Amino acid sequence: MSQSKEIAYKGHILTATPVVDRLMYAVTIAVRGPSGVRRSSGILGEFPSEIDAVRYAFAYGIAAIDDRRPPSNWQQTPAKHSDMRASA
């Protein structure tokens, strides 16, 4: 498994977690808000490289923070976009 990557955006901490899946990379994103509430996605899709997966996950998380639509479908095999779920 690859290491999780973190960035900060507008007081939120975004954590992208890529994993190798049959020569492709799958990725999830978790967003922890300033209040400590954490929202997580399911698998966002399959990507040809770890960096592509992480970039997409961060773009997805930033769109959620900004209350925008998630990025358009990825070139490879994106999973269905599900709402990020809040967890304590």
C-alpha atoms as a PDB file:
ATOM      1  CA  MET A   1       0.000   0.000   0.000  1.00  0.00           C
ATOM      2  CA  SER A   2       1.209   3.503  -0.787  1.00  0.00           C
ATOM      3  CA  GLN A   3       1.508   6.154   1.870  1.00  0.00           C
ATOM      4  CA  SER A   4      -1.320   8.584   2.481  1.00  0.00           C
ATOM      5  CA  LYS A   5      -0.727  12.165   1.377  1.00  0.00           C
ATOM      6  CA  GLU A   6      -2.108  15.213   3.199  1.00  0.00           C
ATOM      7  CA  ILE A   7      -2.733  18.834   2.286  1.00  0.00           C
ATOM      8  CA  ALA A   8      -4.464  21.703   4.080  1.00  0.00           C
ATOM      9  CA  TYR A   9      -7.153  23.755   2.316  1.00  0.00           C
ATOM     10  CA  LYS A  10      -9.329  26.470   3.868  1.00  0.00           C
ATOM     11  CA  GLY A  11      -8.839  25.095   7.379  1.00  0.00           C
ATOM     12  CA  HIS A  12      -9.562  21.505   6.316  1.00  0.00           C
ATOM     13  CA  ILE A  13      -7.106  18.605   6.202  1.00  0.00           C
ATOM     14  CA  LEU A  14      -7.439  16.404   3.120  1.00  0.00           C
ATOM     15  CA  THR A  15      -5.929  12.911   3.206  1.00  0.00           C
ATOM     16  CA  ALA A  16      -5.637  10.963  -0.052  1.00  0.00           C
ATOM     17  CA  THR A  17      -4.942   7.249   0.290  1.00  0.00           C
ATOM     18  CA  PRO A  18      -3.841   5.504  -2.916  1.00  0.00           C
ATOM     19  CA  VAL A  19      -3.590   1.708  -3.138  1.00  0.00           C
ATOM     20  CA  VAL A  20      -2.290  -0.521  -5.923  1.00  0.00           C
ATOM     21  CA  ASP A  21      -5.075  -2.576  -7.475  1.00  0.00           C
ATOM     22  CA  ARG A  22      -4.172  -4.857 -10.408  1.00  0.00           C
ATOM     23  CA  LEU A  23      -1.439  -2.614 -11.867  1.00  0.00           C
ATOM     24  CA  MET A  24      -3.618   0.480 -11.414  1.00  0.00           C
ATOM     25  CA  TYR A  25      -4.056   2.810  -8.462  1.00  0.00           C
ATOM     26  CA  ALA A  26      -7.328   3.196  -6.608  1.00  0.00           C
ATOM     27  CA  VAL A  27      -7.780   6.149  -4.248  1.00  0.00           C
ATOM     28  CA  THR A  28     -10.018   7.463  -1.472  1.00  0.00           C
ATOM     29  CA  ILE A  29     -10.156  10.915   0.110  1.00  0.00           C
ATOM     30  CA  ALA A  30     -10.935  11.903   3.691  1.00  0.00           C
ATOM     31  CA  VAL A  31     -11.643  15.514   4.651  1.00  0.00           C
ATOM     32  CA  ARG A  32     -11.408  16.642   8.275  1.00  0.00           C
ATOM     33  CA  GLY A  33     -13.079  19.995   8.849  1.00  0.00           C
ATOM     34  CA  PRO A  34     -12.075  22.689  11.338  1.00  0.00           C
ATOM     35  CA  SER A  35     -14.626  21.300  13.820  1.00  0.00           C
ATOM     36  CA  GLY A  36     -13.036  17.838  13.647  1.00  0.00           C
ATOM     37  CA  VAL A  37     -15.837  16.201  11.643  1.00  0.00           C
ATOM     38  CA  ARG A  38     -14.383  13.792   9.108  1.00  0.00           C
ATOM     39  CA  ARG A  39     -15.991  12.954   5.767  1.00  0.00           C
ATOM     40  CA  SER A  40     -14.763  10.073   3.624  1.00  0.00           C
ATOM     41  CA  SER A  41     -15.334   8.965   0.065  1.00  0.00           C
ATOM     42  CA  GLY A  42     -15.470   5.498  -1.339  1.00  0.00           C
ATOM     43  CA  ILE A  43     -13.048   4.433  -4.055  1.00  0.00           C
ATOM     44  CA  LEU A  44     -12.931   7.300  -6.561  1.00  0.00           C
ATOM     45  CA  GLY A  45     -11.668   5.274  -9.507  1.00  0.00           C
ATOM     46  CA  GLU A  46      -8.643   3.546 -10.998  1.00  0.00           C
ATOM     47  CA  PHE A  47      -5.710   5.578 -12.270  1.00  0.00           C
ATOM     48  CA  PRO A  48      -2.540   4.793 -14.234  1.00  0.00           C
ATOM     49  CA  SER A  49      -0.208   6.252 -11.595  1.00  0.00           C
ATOM     50  CA  GLU A  50      -0.133   7.105  -7.920  1.00  0.00           C
ATOM     51  CA  ILE A  51       0.303  10.817  -8.641  1.00  0.00           C
ATOM     52  CA  ASP A  52      -2.744  10.860 -10.949  1.00  0.00           C
ATOM     53  CA  ALA A  53      -4.802   9.153  -8.256  1.00  0.00           C
ATOM     54  CA  VAL A  54      -3.692  11.575  -5.532  1.00  0.00           C
ATOM     55  CA  ARG A  55      -4.234  14.662  -7.711  1.00  0.00           C
ATOM     56  CA  TYR A  56      -7.741  13.539  -8.566  1.00  0.00           C
ATOM     57  CA  ALA A  57      -8.564  12.786  -4.924  1.00  0.00           C
ATOM     58  CA  PHE A  58      -7.407  16.235  -3.820  1.00  0.00           C
ATOM     59  CA  ALA A  59      -9.412  17.902  -6.608  1.00  0.00           C
ATOM     60  CA  TYR A  60     -12.442  15.871  -5.512  1.00  0.00           C
ATOM     61  CA  GLY A  61     -11.997  16.859  -1.842  1.00  0.00           C
ATOM     62  CA  ILE A  62     -11.475  20.537  -2.662  1.00  0.00           C
ATOM     63  CA  ALA A  63     -14.638  20.528  -4.780  1.00  0.00           C
ATOM     64  CA  ALA A  64     -16.540  19.057  -1.806  1.00  0.00           C
ATOM     65  CA  ILE A  65     -15.220  21.796   0.507  1.00  0.00           C
ATOM     66  CA  ASP A  66     -16.151  24.484  -2.010  1.00  0.00           C
ATOM     67  CA  ASP A  67     -19.574  22.886  -2.540  1.00  0.00           C
ATOM     68  CA  ARG A  68     -18.846  22.393  -6.241  1.00  0.00           C
ATOM     69  CA  ARG A  69     -19.392  19.410  -8.487  1.00  0.00           C
ATOM     70  CA  PRO A  70     -16.600  16.855  -8.358  1.00  0.00           C
ATOM     71  CA  PRO A  71     -14.104  16.887 -11.247  1.00  0.00           C
ATOM     72  CA  SER A  72     -15.372  15.448 -14.509  1.00  0.00           C
ATOM     73  CA  ASN A  73     -14.832  11.777 -15.194  1.00  0.00           C
ATOM     74  CA  TRP A  74     -11.259  10.622 -15.225  1.00  0.00           C
ATOM     75  CA  GLN A  75      -9.683   9.285 -18.418  1.00  0.00           C
ATOM     76  CA  GLN A  76      -9.425   5.782 -17.000  1.00  0.00           C
ATOM     77  CA  THR A  77     -12.094   4.017 -14.951  1.00  0.00           C
ATOM     78  CA  PRO A  78     -13.712   6.374 -12.462  1.00  0.00           C
ATOM     79  CA  ALA A  79     -16.000   4.877  -9.870  1.00  0.00           C
ATOM     80  CA  LYS A  80     -19.469   6.293  -9.370  1.00  0.00           C
ATOM     81  CA  HIS A  81     -19.203   9.489  -7.359  1.00  0.00           C
ATOM     82  CA  SER A  82     -20.909   9.075  -4.045  1.00  0.00           C
ATOM     83  CA  ASP A  83     -21.483  11.774  -1.500  1.00  0.00           C
ATOM     84  CA  MET A  84     -18.789  12.037   1.109  1.00  0.00           C
ATOM     85  CA  ARG A  85     -20.077  10.656   4.375  1.00  0.00           C
ATOM     86  CA  ALA A  86     -19.512  12.377   7.703  1.00  0.00           C
ATOM     87  CA  SER A  87     -18.060  10.409  10.579  1.00  0.00           C
ATOM     88  CA  ALA A  88     -16.971  11.402  14.065  1.00  0.00           C
END
